[in-house]
C-alpha cells in the first residue's frame, strides 16, 4: 500500500465528517476512489470496443458473404 496526500474542498471535507466516522474515513475514501477508477476503466473498455467494432465494420460485411450459401440451405425443422 502507498501513502498519498489528497486535498479536499472545505465543504466536501465538512460533509464527509458529518457522514463518516473519523476512524472510517480512510476506508471510505479508498473505496470511493476504487469505485470511480473501476467506472473509468469500464468506460474506457466500452469506448475501445466501440472503436474496434466500427473499425472492423467493412470486414464483417465480407465475412457475412462467406456464410450466405449456408443461410440459404433448407434446414429440417
N, C-alpha and C. Protein backbone atom coordinates (compact mmCIF):
# COMPACT_ATOMS: atom_id res chain seq x y z
N UNK A 1 0.84 -1.16 0.00
CA UNK A 1 0.00 0.00 0.00
C UNK A 1 0.90 1.24 0.00
N UNK A 2 0.46 2.27 -0.73
CA UNK A 2 1.22 3.51 -0.85
C UNK A 2 0.45 4.62 -0.15
N UNK A 3 1.18 5.43 0.56
CA UNK A 3 0.57 6.57 1.24
C UNK A 3 0.60 7.77 0.30
N UNK A 4 -0.51 8.52 0.29
CA UNK A 4 -0.59 9.70 -0.56
C UNK A 4 -1.36 10.79 0.17
N UNK A 5 -1.26 11.99 -0.33
CA UNK A 5 -1.97 13.12 0.24
C UNK A 5 -2.99 13.62 -0.76
N UNK A 6 -4.20 13.88 -0.29
CA UNK A 6 -5.21 14.47 -1.16
C UNK A 6 -5.69 15.77 -0.53
N UNK A 7 -6.17 16.66 -1.36
CA UNK A 7 -6.71 17.93 -0.89
C UNK A 7 -8.18 17.97 -1.27
N UNK A 8 -9.02 18.27 -0.28
CA UNK A 8 -10.46 18.34 -0.50
C UNK A 8 -10.93 19.78 -0.30
N UNK A 9 -11.96 20.13 -1.04
CA UNK A 9 -12.62 21.41 -0.77
C UNK A 9 -13.14 21.37 0.66
N UNK A 10 -13.12 22.50 1.33
CA UNK A 10 -13.56 22.55 2.72
C UNK A 10 -14.99 22.03 2.88
N UNK A 11 -15.88 22.39 1.95
CA UNK A 11 -17.26 21.93 2.03
C UNK A 11 -17.39 20.42 1.91
N UNK A 12 -16.61 19.82 1.03
CA UNK A 12 -16.64 18.36 0.87
C UNK A 12 -16.12 17.70 2.14
N UNK A 13 -15.04 18.23 2.68
CA UNK A 13 -14.48 17.67 3.92
C UNK A 13 -15.49 17.73 5.06
N UNK A 14 -16.16 18.85 5.20
CA UNK A 14 -17.16 19.00 6.26
C UNK A 14 -18.31 18.01 6.07
N UNK A 15 -18.77 17.85 4.85
CA UNK A 15 -19.85 16.89 4.57
C UNK A 15 -19.42 15.46 4.91
N UNK A 16 -18.18 15.11 4.53
CA UNK A 16 -17.67 13.79 4.86
C UNK A 16 -17.61 13.58 6.36
N UNK A 17 -17.12 14.59 7.08
CA UNK A 17 -17.00 14.47 8.53
C UNK A 17 -18.36 14.29 9.20
N UNK A 18 -19.40 14.89 8.63
CA UNK A 18 -20.74 14.73 9.20
C UNK A 18 -21.27 13.32 8.96
N UNK A 19 -20.89 12.71 7.84
CA UNK A 19 -21.47 11.43 7.44
C UNK A 19 -20.64 10.21 7.82
N UNK A 20 -19.33 10.35 7.87
CA UNK A 20 -18.44 9.21 8.07
C UNK A 20 -17.69 9.37 9.39
N UNK A 21 -17.72 8.35 10.25
CA UNK A 21 -16.94 8.42 11.49
C UNK A 21 -15.45 8.60 11.17
N UNK A 22 -14.72 9.37 11.99
CA UNK A 22 -13.30 9.67 11.72
C UNK A 22 -12.44 8.44 11.45
N UNK A 23 -12.65 7.37 12.19
CA UNK A 23 -11.79 6.19 12.02
C UNK A 23 -12.18 5.37 10.80
N UNK A 24 -13.25 5.74 10.12
CA UNK A 24 -13.68 5.02 8.91
C UNK A 24 -13.43 5.85 7.64
N UNK A 25 -12.94 7.07 7.81
CA UNK A 25 -12.75 7.99 6.68
C UNK A 25 -11.79 7.40 5.64
N UNK A 26 -10.67 6.86 6.09
CA UNK A 26 -9.68 6.31 5.17
C UNK A 26 -10.29 5.20 4.32
N UNK A 27 -10.99 4.28 4.95
CA UNK A 27 -11.63 3.17 4.23
C UNK A 27 -12.66 3.71 3.22
N UNK A 28 -13.44 4.68 3.64
CA UNK A 28 -14.46 5.26 2.75
C UNK A 28 -13.81 5.88 1.51
N UNK A 29 -12.77 6.67 1.72
CA UNK A 29 -12.11 7.34 0.59
C UNK A 29 -11.46 6.32 -0.34
N UNK A 30 -10.81 5.29 0.22
CA UNK A 30 -10.20 4.24 -0.63
C UNK A 30 -11.27 3.55 -1.46
N UNK A 31 -12.41 3.23 -0.85
CA UNK A 31 -13.48 2.55 -1.58
C UNK A 31 -14.07 3.46 -2.65
N UNK A 32 -14.25 4.74 -2.33
CA UNK A 32 -14.82 5.68 -3.30
C UNK A 32 -13.88 5.84 -4.51
N UNK A 33 -12.60 5.94 -4.26
CA UNK A 33 -11.63 6.08 -5.36
C UNK A 33 -11.60 4.79 -6.19
N UNK A 34 -11.61 3.65 -5.53
CA UNK A 34 -11.60 2.37 -6.26
C UNK A 34 -12.84 2.24 -7.14
N UNK A 35 -13.99 2.64 -6.62
CA UNK A 35 -15.23 2.59 -7.42
C UNK A 35 -15.14 3.50 -8.64
N UNK A 36 -14.62 4.69 -8.44
CA UNK A 36 -14.51 5.66 -9.55
C UNK A 36 -13.52 5.15 -10.60
N UNK A 37 -12.40 4.58 -10.17
CA UNK A 37 -11.42 4.03 -11.11
C UNK A 37 -12.03 2.89 -11.91
N UNK A 38 -12.79 2.01 -11.25
CA UNK A 38 -13.44 0.91 -11.96
C UNK A 38 -14.42 1.44 -13.00
N UNK A 39 -15.17 2.48 -12.66
CA UNK A 39 -16.10 3.09 -13.60
C UNK A 39 -15.36 3.67 -14.80
N UNK A 40 -14.27 4.37 -14.55
CA UNK A 40 -13.48 4.95 -15.65
C UNK A 40 -12.90 3.85 -16.54
N UNK A 41 -12.42 2.76 -15.93
CA UNK A 41 -11.89 1.65 -16.72
C UNK A 41 -12.98 1.01 -17.56
N UNK A 42 -14.18 0.86 -17.02
CA UNK A 42 -15.30 0.30 -17.76
C UNK A 42 -15.64 1.18 -18.96
N UNK A 43 -15.69 2.48 -18.73
CA UNK A 43 -15.98 3.41 -19.83
C UNK A 43 -14.91 3.35 -20.91
N UNK A 44 -13.65 3.25 -20.49
CA UNK A 44 -12.55 3.16 -21.45
C UNK A 44 -12.67 1.88 -22.27
N UNK A 45 -12.97 0.77 -21.62
CA UNK A 45 -13.13 -0.51 -22.32
C UNK A 45 -14.29 -0.43 -23.31
N UNK A 46 -15.40 0.15 -22.90
CA UNK A 46 -16.54 0.30 -23.81
C UNK A 46 -16.18 1.15 -25.02
N UNK A 47 -15.42 2.21 -24.80
CA UNK A 47 -15.01 3.07 -25.91
C UNK A 47 -14.07 2.31 -26.86
N UNK A 48 -13.13 1.53 -26.31
CA UNK A 48 -12.23 0.74 -27.14
C UNK A 48 -12.99 -0.31 -27.93
N UNK A 49 -13.98 -0.94 -27.31
CA UNK A 49 -14.79 -1.93 -28.01
C UNK A 49 -15.59 -1.28 -29.14
N UNK A 50 -16.13 -0.11 -28.87
CA UNK A 50 -16.89 0.62 -29.89
C UNK A 50 -15.99 0.97 -31.07
N UNK A 51 -14.78 1.48 -30.78
CA UNK A 51 -13.84 1.82 -31.84
C UNK A 51 -13.46 0.58 -32.65
N UNK A 52 -13.23 -0.54 -31.96
CA UNK A 52 -12.90 -1.79 -32.66
C UNK A 52 -14.04 -2.26 -33.54
N UNK A 53 -15.26 -2.15 -33.02
CA UNK A 53 -16.43 -2.54 -33.81
C UNK A 53 -16.54 -1.70 -35.06
N UNK A 54 -16.39 -0.39 -34.91
CA UNK A 54 -16.51 0.50 -36.07
C UNK A 54 -15.36 0.29 -37.06
N UNK A 55 -14.18 -0.02 -36.55
CA UNK A 55 -13.02 -0.23 -37.43
C UNK A 55 -13.14 -1.50 -38.26
N UNK A 56 -13.87 -2.49 -37.76
CA UNK A 56 -13.98 -3.77 -38.49
C UNK A 56 -15.31 -3.92 -39.20
N UNK A 57 -16.08 -2.88 -39.27
CA UNK A 57 -17.41 -2.96 -39.88
C UNK A 57 -17.35 -3.46 -41.32
N UNK A 58 -16.43 -2.96 -42.11
CA UNK A 58 -16.32 -3.38 -43.51
C UNK A 58 -15.93 -4.84 -43.65
N UNK A 59 -15.04 -5.33 -42.82
CA UNK A 59 -14.62 -6.72 -42.95
C UNK A 59 -15.73 -7.68 -42.53
N UNK A 60 -16.62 -7.24 -41.65
CA UNK A 60 -17.75 -8.09 -41.26
C UNK A 60 -18.69 -8.32 -42.44
N UNK A 61 -18.85 -7.32 -43.28
CA UNK A 61 -19.72 -7.46 -44.45
C UNK A 61 -19.19 -8.56 -45.36
N UNK A 62 -17.88 -8.61 -45.57
CA UNK A 62 -17.27 -9.66 -46.39
C UNK A 62 -17.44 -11.02 -45.73
N UNK A 63 -17.32 -11.09 -44.42
CA UNK A 63 -17.47 -12.35 -43.70
C UNK A 63 -18.91 -12.87 -43.81
N UNK A 64 -19.87 -11.98 -43.73
CA UNK A 64 -21.27 -12.38 -43.87
C UNK A 64 -21.50 -13.03 -45.24
N UNK A 65 -20.86 -12.49 -46.26
CA UNK A 65 -20.98 -13.05 -47.61
C UNK A 65 -20.47 -14.48 -47.68
N UNK A 66 -19.45 -14.80 -46.89
CA UNK A 66 -18.91 -16.16 -46.87
C UNK A 66 -19.93 -17.17 -46.35
N UNK A 67 -20.83 -16.75 -45.47
CA UNK A 67 -21.80 -17.64 -44.86
C UNK A 67 -23.13 -17.66 -45.60
N UNK A 68 -23.30 -16.81 -46.57
CA UNK A 68 -24.58 -16.70 -47.28
C UNK A 68 -25.04 -18.02 -47.90
N UNK A 69 -24.18 -18.81 -48.54
CA UNK A 69 -24.67 -20.08 -49.12
C UNK A 69 -25.28 -21.01 -48.07
N UNK A 70 -24.74 -21.04 -46.89
CA UNK A 70 -25.27 -21.89 -45.83
C UNK A 70 -26.61 -21.36 -45.34
N UNK A 71 -26.75 -20.06 -45.28
CA UNK A 71 -28.01 -19.46 -44.84
C UNK A 71 -29.16 -19.81 -45.77
N UNK A 72 -28.85 -20.08 -47.02
CA UNK A 72 -29.90 -20.36 -47.99
C UNK A 72 -30.33 -21.81 -48.01
N UNK A 73 -29.61 -22.68 -47.31
CA UNK A 73 -29.93 -24.11 -47.27
C UNK A 73 -31.20 -24.31 -46.46
N UNK A 74 -32.09 -25.20 -46.94
CA UNK A 74 -33.31 -25.53 -46.19
C UNK A 74 -32.92 -26.49 -45.05
N UNK A 75 -33.07 -26.04 -43.85
CA UNK A 75 -32.76 -26.85 -42.69
C UNK A 75 -34.01 -27.60 -42.26
N UNK A 76 -33.86 -28.86 -41.81
CA UNK A 76 -35.03 -29.60 -41.33
C UNK A 76 -35.57 -28.95 -40.05
N UNK A 77 -36.86 -29.04 -39.89
CA UNK A 77 -37.45 -28.43 -38.71
C UNK A 77 -37.76 -29.43 -37.66
